[in-house]
Amino acid sequence: MTEKHPSTADVGLPTDPDWPTLIERAVNDVSRILQSELHMFQATMRAALDAQIATAIAFLAIAAVIVCGAICILCAAILLLHRWLPWWEAFGLAGLAICVAGIASLAIISFSRTRQHA
């Protein structure tokens, strides 16, 4: 009969799997995978947030330019009206025109919203 002798490569290695070590390795692997995914998610979110902030700043700058232009047009209209009217009447007429335009815009917006919901 032939007997099996352990080879030198098998010496010191247990025949049964070491379950606590295997579980620890599995948990470590899953932990590293989750950390990698979290870092990728953070990088992606940071890039998206930076793009949104840049877009918001650009729109804010455009809105500031439009407001400055509107103020210049208003001043020009008041100066034009002052050729024929006193200052207080020119400012009053320009203010009245702005109020009427604002009320008309509000009415148009509310009318279009009520038609969309109907």
PDB file of N, CA and C in Angstrom:
ATOM      1  N   MET A   1       0.798  -1.163   0.000  1.00  0.00           N
ATOM      2  CA  MET A   1       0.000   0.000   0.000  1.00  0.00           C
ATOM      3  C   MET A   1       0.859   1.252   0.000  1.00  0.00           C
ATOM      4  N   THR A   2       0.390   2.206  -0.687  1.00  0.00           N
ATOM      5  CA  THR A   2       1.132   3.456  -0.763  1.00  0.00           C
ATOM      6  C   THR A   2       0.553   4.464   0.234  1.00  0.00           C
ATOM      7  N   GLU A   3       1.472   5.049   0.936  1.00  0.00           N
ATOM      8  CA  GLU A   3       1.052   6.078   1.885  1.00  0.00           C
ATOM      9  C   GLU A   3       1.306   7.440   1.270  1.00  0.00           C
ATOM     10  N   LYS A   4       0.421   8.343   1.599  1.00  0.00           N
ATOM     11  CA  LYS A   4       0.593   9.712   1.124  1.00  0.00           C
ATOM     12  C   LYS A   4       1.401  10.466   2.155  1.00  0.00           C
ATOM     13  N   HIS A   5       2.451  11.069   1.688  1.00  0.00           N
ATOM     14  CA  HIS A   5       3.253  11.920   2.558  1.00  0.00           C
ATOM     15  C   HIS A   5       3.038  13.368   2.130  1.00  0.00           C
ATOM     16  N   PRO A   6       2.890  14.246   3.084  1.00  0.00           N
ATOM     17  CA  PRO A   6       2.710  15.652   2.676  1.00  0.00           C
ATOM     18  C   PRO A   6       3.958  16.179   1.996  1.00  0.00           C
ATOM     19  N   SER A   7       3.744  16.904   0.913  1.00  0.00           N
ATOM     20  CA  SER A   7       4.878  17.495   0.206  1.00  0.00           C
ATOM     21  C   SER A   7       5.341  18.737   0.952  1.00  0.00           C
ATOM     22  N   THR A   8       6.452  19.262   0.541  1.00  0.00           N
ATOM     23  CA  THR A   8       6.985  20.447   1.213  1.00  0.00           C
ATOM     24  C   THR A   8       6.125  21.672   0.938  1.00  0.00           C
ATOM     25  N   ALA A   9       5.402  21.667  -0.179  1.00  0.00           N
ATOM     26  CA  ALA A   9       4.543  22.816  -0.482  1.00  0.00           C
ATOM     27  C   ALA A   9       3.315  22.824   0.413  1.00  0.00           C
ATOM     28  N   ASP A  10       2.871  21.652   0.872  1.00  0.00           N
ATOM     29  CA  ASP A  10       1.671  21.577   1.689  1.00  0.00           C
ATOM     30  C   ASP A  10       1.943  21.762   3.175  1.00  0.00           C
ATOM     31  N   VAL A  11       3.189  21.796   3.554  1.00  0.00           N
ATOM     32  CA  VAL A  11       3.515  21.891   4.972  1.00  0.00           C
ATOM     33  C   VAL A  11       3.148  23.284   5.474  1.00  0.00           C
ATOM     34  N   GLY A  12       2.441  23.342   6.575  1.00  0.00           N
ATOM     35  CA  GLY A  12       2.083  24.621   7.185  1.00  0.00           C
ATOM     36  C   GLY A  12       0.771  25.180   6.687  1.00  0.00           C
ATOM     37  N   LEU A  13       0.198  24.629   5.636  1.00  0.00           N
ATOM     38  CA  LEU A  13      -1.084  25.117   5.126  1.00  0.00           C
ATOM     39  C   LEU A  13      -2.187  24.234   5.673  1.00  0.00           C
ATOM     40  N   PRO A  14      -3.182  24.827   6.289  1.00  0.00           N
ATOM     41  CA  PRO A  14      -4.274  24.011   6.805  1.00  0.00           C
ATOM     42  C   PRO A  14      -5.119  23.467   5.668  1.00  0.00           C
ATOM     43  N   THR A  15      -5.679  22.306   5.893  1.00  0.00           N
ATOM     44  CA  THR A  15      -6.521  21.703   4.870  1.00  0.00           C
ATOM     45  C   THR A  15      -7.909  22.323   4.874  1.00  0.00           C
ATOM     46  N   ASP A  16      -8.399  22.761   6.015  1.00  0.00           N
ATOM     47  CA  ASP A  16      -9.698  23.433   6.102  1.00  0.00           C
ATOM     48  C   ASP A  16      -9.507  24.929   5.841  1.00  0.00           C
ATOM     49  N   PRO A  17     -10.452  25.520   5.128  1.00  0.00           N
ATOM     50  CA  PRO A  17     -10.329  26.970   4.918  1.00  0.00           C
ATOM     51  C   PRO A  17     -10.503  27.703   6.244  1.00  0.00           C
ATOM     52  N   ASP A  18      -9.750  28.750   6.384  1.00  0.00           N
ATOM     53  CA  ASP A  18      -9.818  29.573   7.581  1.00  0.00           C
ATOM     54  C   ASP A  18     -10.954  30.586   7.368  1.00  0.00           C
ATOM     55  N   TRP A  19     -12.156  30.264   7.810  1.00  0.00           N
ATOM     56  CA  TRP A  19     -13.346  31.072   7.536  1.00  0.00           C
ATOM     57  C   TRP A  19     -13.253  32.501   8.058  1.00  0.00           C
ATOM     58  N   PRO A  20     -12.775  32.749   9.246  1.00  0.00           N
ATOM     59  CA  PRO A  20     -12.665  34.146   9.684  1.00  0.00           C
ATOM     60  C   PRO A  20     -11.753  34.977   8.784  1.00  0.00           C
ATOM     61  N   THR A  21     -10.662  34.382   8.311  1.00  0.00           N
ATOM     62  CA  THR A  21      -9.758  35.111   7.415  1.00  0.00           C
ATOM     63  C   THR A  21     -10.424  35.371   6.074  1.00  0.00           C
ATOM     64  N   LEU A  22     -11.136  34.365   5.555  1.00  0.00           N
ATOM     65  CA  LEU A  22     -11.836  34.546   4.274  1.00  0.00           C
ATOM     66  C   LEU A  22     -12.904  35.626   4.373  1.00  0.00           C
ATOM     67  N   ILE A  23     -13.654  35.628   5.471  1.00  0.00           N
ATOM     68  CA  ILE A  23     -14.695  36.640   5.656  1.00  0.00           C
ATOM     69  C   ILE A  23     -14.067  38.027   5.786  1.00  0.00           C
ATOM     70  N   GLU A  24     -12.950  38.107   6.501  1.00  0.00           N
ATOM     71  CA  GLU A  24     -12.263  39.389   6.662  1.00  0.00           C
ATOM     72  C   GLU A  24     -11.790  39.922   5.321  1.00  0.00           C
ATOM     73  N   ARG A  25     -11.229  39.028   4.496  1.00  0.00           N
ATOM     74  CA  ARG A  25     -10.772  39.445   3.167  1.00  0.00           C
ATOM     75  C   ARG A  25     -11.937  39.892   2.299  1.00  0.00           C
ATOM     76  N   ALA A  26     -13.045  39.167   2.374  1.00  0.00           N
ATOM     77  CA  ALA A  26     -14.221  39.532   1.580  1.00  0.00           C
ATOM     78  C   ALA A  26     -14.756  40.900   2.007  1.00  0.00           C
ATOM     79  N   VAL A  27     -14.821  41.120   3.320  1.00  0.00           N
ATOM     80  CA  VAL A  27     -15.299  42.411   3.821  1.00  0.00           C
ATOM     81  C   VAL A  27     -14.344  43.526   3.405  1.00  0.00           C
ATOM     82  N   ASN A  28     -13.039  43.276   3.485  1.00  0.00           N
ATOM     83  CA  ASN A  28     -12.060  44.284   3.058  1.00  0.00           C
ATOM     84  C   ASN A  28     -12.201  44.592   1.576  1.00  0.00           C
ATOM     85  N   ASP A  29     -12.399  43.558   0.765  1.00  0.00           N
ATOM     86  CA  ASP A  29     -12.569  43.770  -0.673  1.00  0.00           C
ATOM     87  C   ASP A  29     -13.822  44.598  -0.966  1.00  0.00           C
ATOM     88  N   VAL A  30     -14.909  44.236  -0.321  1.00  0.00           N
ATOM     89  CA  VAL A  30     -16.155  44.987  -0.525  1.00  0.00           C
ATOM     90  C   VAL A  30     -15.980  46.429  -0.045  1.00  0.00           C
ATOM     91  N   SER A  31     -15.299  46.618   1.068  1.00  0.00           N
ATOM     92  CA  SER A  31     -15.057  47.953   1.600  1.00  0.00           C
ATOM     93  C   SER A  31     -14.232  48.783   0.622  1.00  0.00           C
ATOM     94  N   ARG A  32     -13.193  48.199   0.052  1.00  0.00           N
ATOM     95  CA  ARG A  32     -12.369  48.928  -0.922  1.00  0.00           C
ATOM     96  C   ARG A  32     -13.164  49.262  -2.179  1.00  0.00           C
ATOM     97  N   ILE A  33     -14.012  48.341  -2.617  1.00  0.00           N
ATOM     98  CA  ILE A  33     -14.847  48.604  -3.798  1.00  0.00           C
ATOM     99  C   ILE A  33     -15.809  49.747  -3.517  1.00  0.00           C
ATOM    100  N   LEU A  34     -16.439  49.722  -2.354  1.00  0.00           N
ATOM    101  CA  LEU A  34     -17.365  50.804  -2.001  1.00  0.00           C
ATOM    102  C   LEU A  34     -16.652  52.146  -1.881  1.00  0.00           C
ATOM    103  N   GLN A  35     -15.443  52.147  -1.313  1.00  0.00           N
ATOM    104  CA  GLN A  35     -14.682  53.390  -1.218  1.00  0.00           C
ATOM    105  C   GLN A  35     -14.316  53.916  -2.595  1.00  0.00           C
ATOM    106  N   SER A  36     -13.943  53.034  -3.494  1.00  0.00           N
ATOM    107  CA  SER A  36     -13.617  53.456  -4.862  1.00  0.00           C
ATOM    108  C   SER A  36     -14.837  54.038  -5.552  1.00  0.00           C
ATOM    109  N   GLU A  37     -15.970  53.386  -5.397  1.00  0.00           N
ATOM    110  CA  GLU A  37     -17.206  53.894  -5.990  1.00  0.00           C
ATOM    111  C   GLU A  37     -17.580  55.257  -5.408  1.00  0.00           C
ATOM    112  N   LEU A  38     -17.389  55.416  -4.099  1.00  0.00           N
ATOM    113  CA  LEU A  38     -17.692  56.680  -3.457  1.00  0.00           C
ATOM    114  C   LEU A  38     -16.789  57.788  -3.970  1.00  0.00           C
ATOM    115  N   HIS A  39     -15.510  57.488  -4.153  1.00  0.00           N
ATOM    116  CA  HIS A  39     -14.588  58.495  -4.686  1.00  0.00           C
ATOM    117  C   HIS A  39     -14.945  58.877  -6.117  1.00  0.00           C
ATOM    118  N   MET A  40     -15.333  57.899  -6.924  1.00  0.00           N
ATOM    119  CA  MET A  40     -15.753  58.202  -8.296  1.00  0.00           C
ATOM    120  C   MET A  40     -17.022  59.040  -8.297  1.00  0.00           C
ATOM    121  N   PHE A  41     -17.968  58.722  -7.401  1.00  0.00           N
ATOM    122  CA  PHE A  41     -19.205  59.489  -7.303  1.00  0.00           C
ATOM    123  C   PHE A  41     -18.913  60.920  -6.877  1.00  0.00           C
ATOM    124  N   GLN A  42     -18.013  61.092  -5.913  1.00  0.00           N
ATOM    125  CA  GLN A  42     -17.661  62.440  -5.465  1.00  0.00           C
ATOM    126  C   GLN A  42     -17.010  63.233  -6.588  1.00  0.00           C
ATOM    127  N   ALA A  43     -16.141  62.602  -7.350  1.00  0.00           N
ATOM    128  CA  ALA A  43     -15.489  63.296  -8.458  1.00  0.00           C
ATOM    129  C   ALA A  43     -16.504  63.704  -9.519  1.00  0.00           C
ATOM    130  N   THR A  44     -17.438  62.816  -9.805  1.00  0.00           N
ATOM    131  CA  THR A  44     -18.467  63.121 -10.800  1.00  0.00           C
ATOM    132  C   THR A  44     -19.376  64.250 -10.319  1.00  0.00           C
ATOM    133  N   MET A  45     -19.774  64.176  -9.048  1.00  0.00           N
ATOM    134  CA  MET A  45     -20.654  65.221  -8.506  1.00  0.00           C
ATOM    135  C   MET A  45     -19.930  66.564  -8.437  1.00  0.00           C
ATOM    136  N   ARG A  46     -18.654  66.545  -8.101  1.00  0.00           N
ATOM    137  CA  ARG A  46     -17.887  67.787  -8.032  1.00  0.00           C
ATOM    138  C   ARG A  46     -17.813  68.438  -9.412  1.00  0.00           C
ATOM    139  N   ALA A  47     -17.583  67.633 -10.441  1.00  0.00           N
ATOM    140  CA  ALA A  47     -17.511  68.166 -11.805  1.00  0.00           C
ATOM    141  C   ALA A  47     -18.865  68.732 -12.230  1.00  0.00           C
ATOM    142  N   ALA A  48     -19.936  68.016 -11.915  1.00  0.00           N
ATOM    143  CA  ALA A  48     -21.273  68.494 -12.282  1.00  0.00           C
ATOM    144  C   ALA A  48     -21.615  69.767 -11.516  1.00  0.00           C
ATOM    145  N   LEU A  49     -21.264  69.821 -10.247  1.00  0.00           N
ATOM    146  CA  LEU A  49     -21.539  71.015  -9.443  1.00  0.00           C
ATOM    147  C   LEU A  49     -20.735  72.208  -9.944  1.00  0.00           C
ATOM    148  N   ASP A  50     -19.479  71.982 -10.302  1.00  0.00           N
ATOM    149  CA  ASP A  50     -18.665  73.068 -10.851  1.00  0.00           C
ATOM    150  C   ASP A  50     -19.260  73.599 -12.152  1.00  0.00           C
ATOM    151  N   ALA A  51     -19.762  72.707 -12.994  1.00  0.00           N
ATOM    152  CA  ALA A  51     -20.384  73.139 -14.250  1.00  0.00           C
ATOM    153  C   ALA A  51     -21.653  73.940 -13.981  1.00  0.00           C
ATOM    154  N   GLN A  52     -22.464  73.503 -13.016  1.00  0.00           N
ATOM    155  CA  GLN A  52     -23.696  74.235 -12.685  1.00  0.00           C
ATOM    156  C   GLN A  52     -23.381  75.611 -12.110  1.00  0.00           C
ATOM    157  N   ILE A  53     -22.357  75.693 -11.270  1.00  0.00           N
ATOM    158  CA  ILE A  53     -21.975  76.986 -10.692  1.00  0.00           C
ATOM    159  C   ILE A  53     -21.487  77.934 -11.785  1.00  0.00           C
ATOM    160  N   ALA A  54     -20.699  77.419 -12.713  1.00  0.00           N
ATOM    161  CA  ALA A  54     -20.212  78.252 -13.811  1.00  0.00           C
ATOM    162  C   ALA A  54     -21.373  78.761 -14.665  1.00  0.00           C
ATOM    163  N   THR A  55     -22.342  77.897 -14.918  1.00  0.00           N
ATOM    164  CA  THR A  55     -23.519  78.308 -15.691  1.00  0.00           C
ATOM    165  C   THR A  55     -24.324  79.364 -14.941  1.00  0.00           C
ATOM    166  N   ALA A  56     -24.504  79.181 -13.645  1.00  0.00           N
ATOM    167  CA  ALA A  56     -25.260  80.151 -12.850  1.00  0.00           C
ATOM    168  C   ALA A  56     -24.561  81.504 -12.822  1.00  0.00           C
ATOM    169  N   ILE A  57     -23.245  81.502 -12.705  1.00  0.00           N
ATOM    170  CA  ILE A  57     -22.499  82.768 -12.702  1.00  0.00           C
ATOM    171  C   ILE A  57     -22.625  83.458 -14.052  1.00  0.00           C
ATOM    172  N   ALA A  58     -22.579  82.683 -15.138  1.00  0.00           N
ATOM    173  CA  ALA A  58     -22.725  83.276 -16.473  1.00  0.00           C
ATOM    174  C   ALA A  58     -24.108  83.898 -16.636  1.00  0.00           C
ATOM    175  N   PHE A  59     -25.162  83.183 -16.186  1.00  0.00           N
ATOM    176  CA  PHE A  59     -26.513  83.747 -16.291  1.00  0.00           C
ATOM    177  C   PHE A  59     -26.671  84.977 -15.413  1.00  0.00           C
ATOM    178  N   LEU A  60     -26.049  84.983 -14.252  1.00  0.00           N
ATOM    179  CA  LEU A  60     -26.120  86.142 -13.372  1.00  0.00           C
ATOM    180  C   LEU A  60     -25.439  87.351 -14.010  1.00  0.00           C
ATOM    181  N   ALA A  61     -24.312  87.128 -14.652  1.00  0.00           N
ATOM    182  CA  ALA A  61     -23.621  88.219 -15.336  1.00  0.00           C
ATOM    183  C   ALA A  61     -24.459  88.756 -16.497  1.00  0.00           C
ATOM    184  N   ILE A  62     -25.087  87.852 -17.239  1.00  0.00           N
ATOM    185  CA  ILE A  62     -25.948  88.282 -18.349  1.00  0.00           C
ATOM    186  C   ILE A  62     -27.136  89.089 -17.830  1.00  0.00           C
ATOM    187  N   ALA A  63     -27.737  88.637 -16.715  1.00  0.00           N
ATOM    188  CA  ALA A  63     -28.862  89.360 -16.137  1.00  0.00           C
ATOM    189  C   ALA A  63     -28.428  90.746 -15.672  1.00  0.00           C
ATOM    190  N   ALA A  64     -27.232  90.860 -15.098  1.00  0.00           N
ATOM    191  CA  ALA A  64     -26.729  92.170 -14.659  1.00  0.00           C
ATOM    192  C   ALA A  64     -26.536  93.103 -15.843  1.00  0.00           C
ATOM    193  N   VAL A  65     -26.029  92.576 -16.957  1.00  0.00           N
ATOM    194  CA  VAL A  65     -25.851  93.397 -18.155  1.00  0.00           C
ATOM    195  C   VAL A  65     -27.204  93.862 -18.689  1.00  0.00           C
ATOM    196  N   ILE A  66     -28.191  92.967 -18.687  1.00  0.00           N
ATOM    197  CA  ILE A  66     -29.523  93.332 -19.176  1.00  0.00           C
ATOM    198  C   ILE A  66     -30.154  94.394 -18.282  1.00  0.00           C
ATOM    199  N   VAL A  67     -29.995  94.263 -16.969  1.00  0.00           N
ATOM    200  CA  VAL A  67     -30.554  95.265 -16.041  1.00  0.00           C
ATOM    201  C   VAL A  67     -29.890  96.614 -16.268  1.00  0.00           C
ATOM    202  N   CYS A  68     -28.564  96.628 -16.443  1.00  0.00           N
ATOM    203  CA  CYS A  68     -27.874  97.905 -16.711  1.00  0.00           C
ATOM    204  C   CYS A  68     -28.364  98.536 -18.012  1.00  0.00           C
ATOM    205  N   GLY A  69     -28.566  97.723 -19.023  1.00  0.00           N
ATOM    206  CA  GLY A  69     -29.091  98.235 -20.287  1.00  0.00           C
ATOM    207  C   GLY A  69     -30.495  98.796 -20.137  1.00  0.00           C
ATOM    208  N   ALA A  70     -31.324  98.107 -19.356  1.00  0.00           N
ATOM    209  CA  ALA A  70     -32.690  98.595 -19.145  1.00  0.00           C
ATOM    210  C   ALA A  70     -32.682  99.914 -18.383  1.00  0.00           C
ATOM    211  N   ILE A  71     -31.786 100.055 -17.413  1.00  0.00           N
ATOM    212  CA  ILE A  71     -31.694 101.323 -16.671  1.00  0.00           C
ATOM    213  C   ILE A  71     -31.254 102.445 -17.595  1.00  0.00           C
ATOM    214  N   CYS A  72     -30.310 102.179 -18.482  1.00  0.00           N
ATOM    215  CA  CYS A  72     -29.874 103.195 -19.445  1.00  0.00           C
ATOM    216  C   CYS A  72     -31.006 103.610 -20.376  1.00  0.00           C
ATOM    217  N   ILE A  73     -31.778 102.649 -20.850  1.00  0.00           N
ATOM    218  CA  ILE A  73     -32.913 102.971 -21.718  1.00  0.00           C
ATOM    219  C   ILE A  73     -33.945 103.795 -20.963  1.00  0.00           C
ATOM    220  N   LEU A  74     -34.203 103.456 -19.709  1.00  0.00           N
ATOM    221  CA  LEU A  74     -35.147 104.212 -18.892  1.00  0.00           C
ATOM    222  C   LEU A  74     -34.661 105.648 -18.689  1.00  0.00           C
ATOM    223  N   CYS A  75     -33.382 105.806 -18.402  1.00  0.00           N
ATOM    224  CA  CYS A  75     -32.830 107.155 -18.221  1.00  0.00           C
ATOM    225  C   CYS A  75     -32.931 107.954 -19.519  1.00  0.00           C
ATOM    226  N   ALA A  76     -32.668 107.300 -20.640  1.00  0.00           N
ATOM    227  CA  ALA A  76     -32.776 107.991 -21.925  1.00  0.00           C
ATOM    228  C   ALA A  76     -34.215 108.415 -22.191  1.00  0.00           C
ATOM    229  N   ALA A  77     -35.168 107.559 -21.864  1.00  0.00           N
ATOM    230  CA  ALA A  77     -36.573 107.913 -22.063  1.00  0.00           C
ATOM    231  C   ALA A  77     -36.972 109.083 -21.170  1.00  0.00           C
ATOM    232  N   ILE A  78     -36.492 109.087 -19.928  1.00  0.00           N
ATOM    233  CA  ILE A  78     -36.817 110.191 -19.010  1.00  0.00           C
ATOM    234  C   ILE A  78     -36.197 111.490 -19.511  1.00  0.00           C
ATOM    235  N   LEU A  79     -34.950 111.430 -19.980  1.00  0.00           N
ATOM    236  CA  LEU A  79     -34.316 112.640 -20.512  1.00  0.00           C
ATOM    237  C   LEU A  79     -35.035 113.137 -21.755  1.00  0.00           C
ATOM    238  N   LEU A  80     -35.513 112.227 -22.588  1.00  0.00           N
ATOM    239  CA  LEU A  80     -36.273 112.629 -23.768  1.00  0.00           C
ATOM    240  C   LEU A  80     -37.583 113.289 -23.369  1.00  0.00           C
ATOM    241  N   LEU A  81     -38.274 112.703 -22.390  1.00  0.00           N
ATOM    242  CA  LEU A  81     -39.530 113.302 -21.934  1.00  0.00           C
ATOM    243  C   LEU A  81     -39.304 114.667 -21.277  1.00  0.00           C
ATOM    244  N   HIS A  82     -38.119 114.848 -20.667  1.00  0.00           N
ATOM    245  CA  HIS A  82     -37.842 116.124 -19.989  1.00  0.00           C
ATOM    246  C   HIS A  82     -37.716 117.282 -20.972  1.00  0.00           C
ATOM    247  N   ARG A  83     -37.525 117.002 -22.245  1.00  0.00           N
ATOM    248  CA  ARG A  83     -37.471 118.092 -23.230  1.00  0.00           C
ATOM    249  C   ARG A  83     -38.809 118.831 -23.292  1.00  0.00           C
ATOM    250  N   TRP A  84     -39.907 118.098 -23.043  1.00  0.00           N
ATOM    251  CA  TRP A  84     -41.225 118.713 -23.159  1.00  0.00           C
ATOM    252  C   TRP A  84     -41.930 118.851 -21.816  1.00  0.00           C
ATOM    253  N   LEU A  85     -41.504 118.090 -20.807  1.00  0.00           N
ATOM    254  CA  LEU A  85     -42.189 118.070 -19.507  1.00  0.00           C
ATOM    255  C   LEU A  85     -41.197 118.401 -18.384  1.00  0.00           C
ATOM    256  N   PRO A  86     -41.702 118.860 -17.246  1.00  0.00           N
ATOM    257  CA  PRO A  86     -40.806 119.016 -16.088  1.00  0.00           C
ATOM    258  C   PRO A  86     -40.317 117.650 -15.597  1.00  0.00           C
ATOM    259  N   TRP A  87     -39.261 117.674 -14.767  1.00  0.00           N
ATOM    260  CA  TRP A  87     -38.654 116.431 -14.303  1.00  0.00           C
ATOM    261  C   TRP A  87     -39.655 115.509 -13.630  1.00  0.00           C
ATOM    262  N   TRP A  88     -40.475 116.045 -12.747  1.00  0.00           N
ATOM    263  CA  TRP A  88     -41.373 115.184 -11.986  1.00  0.00           C
ATOM    264  C   TRP A  88     -42.384 114.510 -12.892  1.00  0.00           C
ATOM    265  N   GLU A  89     -42.831 115.214 -13.920  1.00  0.00           N
ATOM    266  CA  GLU A  89     -43.773 114.593 -14.854  1.00  0.00           C
ATOM    267  C   GLU A  89     -43.077 113.526 -15.714  1.00  0.00           C
ATOM    268  N   ALA A  90     -41.822 113.772 -16.112  1.00  0.00           N
ATOM    269  CA  ALA A  90     -41.080 112.797 -16.915  1.00  0.00           C
ATOM    270  C   ALA A  90     -40.859 111.508 -16.111  1.00  0.00           C
ATOM    271  N   PHE A  91     -40.430 111.650 -14.822  1.00  0.00           N
ATOM    272  CA  PHE A  91     -40.239 110.467 -13.981  1.00  0.00           C
ATOM    273  C   PHE A  91     -41.568 109.761 -13.706  1.00  0.00           C
ATOM    274  N   GLY A  92     -42.613 110.530 -13.465  1.00  0.00           N
ATOM    275  CA  GLY A  92     -43.917 109.928 -13.205  1.00  0.00           C
ATOM    276  C   GLY A  92     -44.443 109.155 -14.393  1.00  0.00           C
ATOM    277  N   LEU A  93     -44.294 109.729 -15.564  1.00  0.00           N
ATOM    278  CA  LEU A  93     -44.759 109.050 -16.770  1.00  0.00           C
ATOM    279  C   LEU A  93     -43.951 107.774 -17.035  1.00  0.00           C
ATOM    280  N   ALA A  94     -42.638 107.830 -16.831  1.00  0.00           N
ATOM    281  CA  ALA A  94     -41.804 106.639 -17.021  1.00  0.00           C
ATOM    282  C   ALA A  94     -42.156 105.565 -15.979  1.00  0.00           C
ATOM    283  N   GLY A  95     -42.362 105.962 -14.730  1.00  0.00           N
ATOM    284  CA  GLY A  95     -42.754 105.008 -13.687  1.00  0.00           C
ATOM    285  C   GLY A  95     -44.101 104.388 -13.976  1.00  0.00           C
ATOM    286  N   LEU A  96     -45.036 105.181 -14.436  1.00  0.00           N
ATOM    287  CA  LEU A  96     -46.361 104.668 -14.788  1.00  0.00           C
ATOM    288  C   LEU A  96     -46.269 103.665 -15.935  1.00  0.00           C
ATOM    289  N   ALA A  97     -45.442 103.974 -16.927  1.00  0.00           N
ATOM    290  CA  ALA A  97     -45.277 103.062 -18.058  1.00  0.00           C
ATOM    291  C   ALA A  97     -44.661 101.732 -17.589  1.00  0.00           C
ATOM    292  N   ILE A  98     -43.706 101.798 -16.673  1.00  0.00           N
ATOM    293  CA  ILE A  98     -43.089 100.572 -16.159  1.00  0.00           C
ATOM    294  C   ILE A  98     -44.102  99.757 -15.360  1.00  0.00           C
ATOM    295  N   CYS A  99     -44.902 100.421 -14.532  1.00  0.00           N
ATOM    296  CA  CYS A  99     -45.923  99.713 -13.754  1.00  0.00           C
ATOM    297  C   CYS A  99     -46.946  99.039 -14.661  1.00  0.00           C
ATOM    298  N   VAL A 100     -47.386  99.749 -15.691  1.00  0.00           N
ATOM    299  CA  VAL A 100     -48.361  99.177 -16.630  1.00  0.00           C
ATOM    300  C   VAL A 100     -47.753  97.969 -17.344  1.00  0.00           C
ATOM    301  N   ALA A 101     -46.486  98.076 -17.750  1.00  0.00           N
ATOM    302  CA  ALA A 101     -45.828  96.952 -18.427  1.00  0.00           C
ATOM    303  C   ALA A 101     -45.697  95.762 -17.471  1.00  0.00           C
ATOM    304  N   GLY A 102     -45.370  96.009 -16.198  1.00  0.00           N
ATOM    305  CA  GLY A 102     -45.256  94.924 -15.224  1.00  0.00           C
ATOM    306  C   GLY A 102     -46.579  94.238 -14.963  1.00  0.00           C
ATOM    307  N   ILE A 103     -47.647  95.021 -14.813  1.00  0.00           N
ATOM    308  CA  ILE A 103     -48.983  94.454 -14.579  1.00  0.00           C
ATOM    309  C   ILE A 103     -49.444  93.659 -15.790  1.00  0.00           C
ATOM    310  N   ALA A 104     -49.178  94.184 -16.990  1.00  0.00           N
ATOM    311  CA  ALA A 104     -49.562  93.460 -18.205  1.00  0.00           C
ATOM    312  C   ALA A 104     -48.790  92.141 -18.314  1.00  0.00           C
ATOM    313  N   SER A 105     -47.507  92.171 -17.985  1.00  0.00           N
ATOM    314  CA  SER A 105     -46.714  90.942 -18.029  1.00  0.00           C
ATOM    315  C   SER A 105     -47.226  89.917 -17.029  1.00  0.00           C
ATOM    316  N   LEU A 106     -47.559  90.375 -15.830  1.00  0.00           N
ATOM    317  CA  LEU A 106     -48.093  89.482 -14.807  1.00  0.00           C
ATOM    318  C   LEU A 106     -49.422  88.876 -15.240  1.00  0.00           C
ATOM    319  N   ALA A 107     -50.277  89.697 -15.867  1.00  0.00           N
ATOM    320  CA  ALA A 107     -51.567  89.193 -16.338  1.00  0.00           C
ATOM    321  C   ALA A 107     -51.379  88.161 -17.448  1.00  0.00           C
ATOM    322  N   ILE A 108     -50.449  88.414 -18.340  1.00  0.00           N
ATOM    323  CA  ILE A 108     -50.206  87.472 -19.440  1.00  0.00           C
ATOM    324  C   ILE A 108     -49.681  86.144 -18.897  1.00  0.00           C
ATOM    325  N   ILE A 109     -48.755  86.220 -17.930  1.00  0.00           N
ATOM    326  CA  ILE A 109     -48.188  84.994 -17.357  1.00  0.00           C
ATOM    327  C   ILE A 109     -49.255  84.198 -16.614  1.00  0.00           C
ATOM    328  N   SER A 110     -50.058  84.873 -15.800  1.00  0.00           N
ATOM    329  CA  SER A 110     -51.095  84.152 -15.051  1.00  0.00           C
ATOM    330  C   SER A 110     -52.166  83.593 -15.986  1.00  0.00           C
ATOM    331  N   PHE A 111     -52.479  84.301 -17.064  1.00  0.00           N
ATOM    332  CA  PHE A 111     -53.454  83.803 -18.030  1.00  0.00           C
ATOM    333  C   PHE A 111     -52.936  82.557 -18.735  1.00  0.00           C
ATOM    334  N   SER A 112     -51.634  82.567 -19.109  1.00  0.00           N
ATOM    335  CA  SER A 112     -51.085  81.409 -19.805  1.00  0.00           C
ATOM    336  C   SER A 112     -50.983  80.204 -18.853  1.00  0.00           C
ATOM    337  N   ARG A 113     -50.731  80.421 -17.553  1.00  0.00           N
ATOM    338  CA  ARG A 113     -50.688  79.321 -16.594  1.00  0.00           C
ATOM    339  C   ARG A 113     -52.080  78.718 -16.383  1.00  0.00           C
ATOM    340  N   THR A 114     -53.110  79.547 -16.330  1.00  0.00           N
ATOM    341  CA  THR A 114     -54.451  79.012 -16.132  1.00  0.00           C
ATOM    342  C   THR A 114     -54.908  78.231 -17.370  1.00  0.00           C
ATOM    343  N   ARG A 115     -54.477  78.636 -18.554  1.00  0.00           N
ATOM    344  CA  ARG A 115     -54.845  77.902 -19.767  1.00  0.00           C
ATOM    345  C   ARG A 115     -54.124  76.564 -19.851  1.00  0.00           C
ATOM    346  N   GLN A 116     -52.893  76.497 -19.326  1.00  0.00           N
ATOM    347  CA  GLN A 116     -52.138  75.249 -19.357  1.00  0.00           C
ATOM    348  C   GLN A 116     -52.746  74.212 -18.424  1.00  0.00           C
ATOM    349  N   HIS A 117     -53.261  74.653 -17.268  1.00  0.00           N
ATOM    350  CA  HIS A 117     -53.830  73.722 -16.297  1.00  0.00           C
ATOM    351  C   HIS A 117     -55.253  73.298 -16.663  1.00  0.00           C
ATOM    352  N   ALA A 118     -55.870  74.028 -17.546  1.00  0.00           N
ATOM    353  CA  ALA A 118     -57.252  73.701 -17.895  1.00  0.00           C
ATOM    354  C   ALA A 118     -57.336  72.627 -18.947  1.00  0.00           C
TER     355      ALA A 118
END
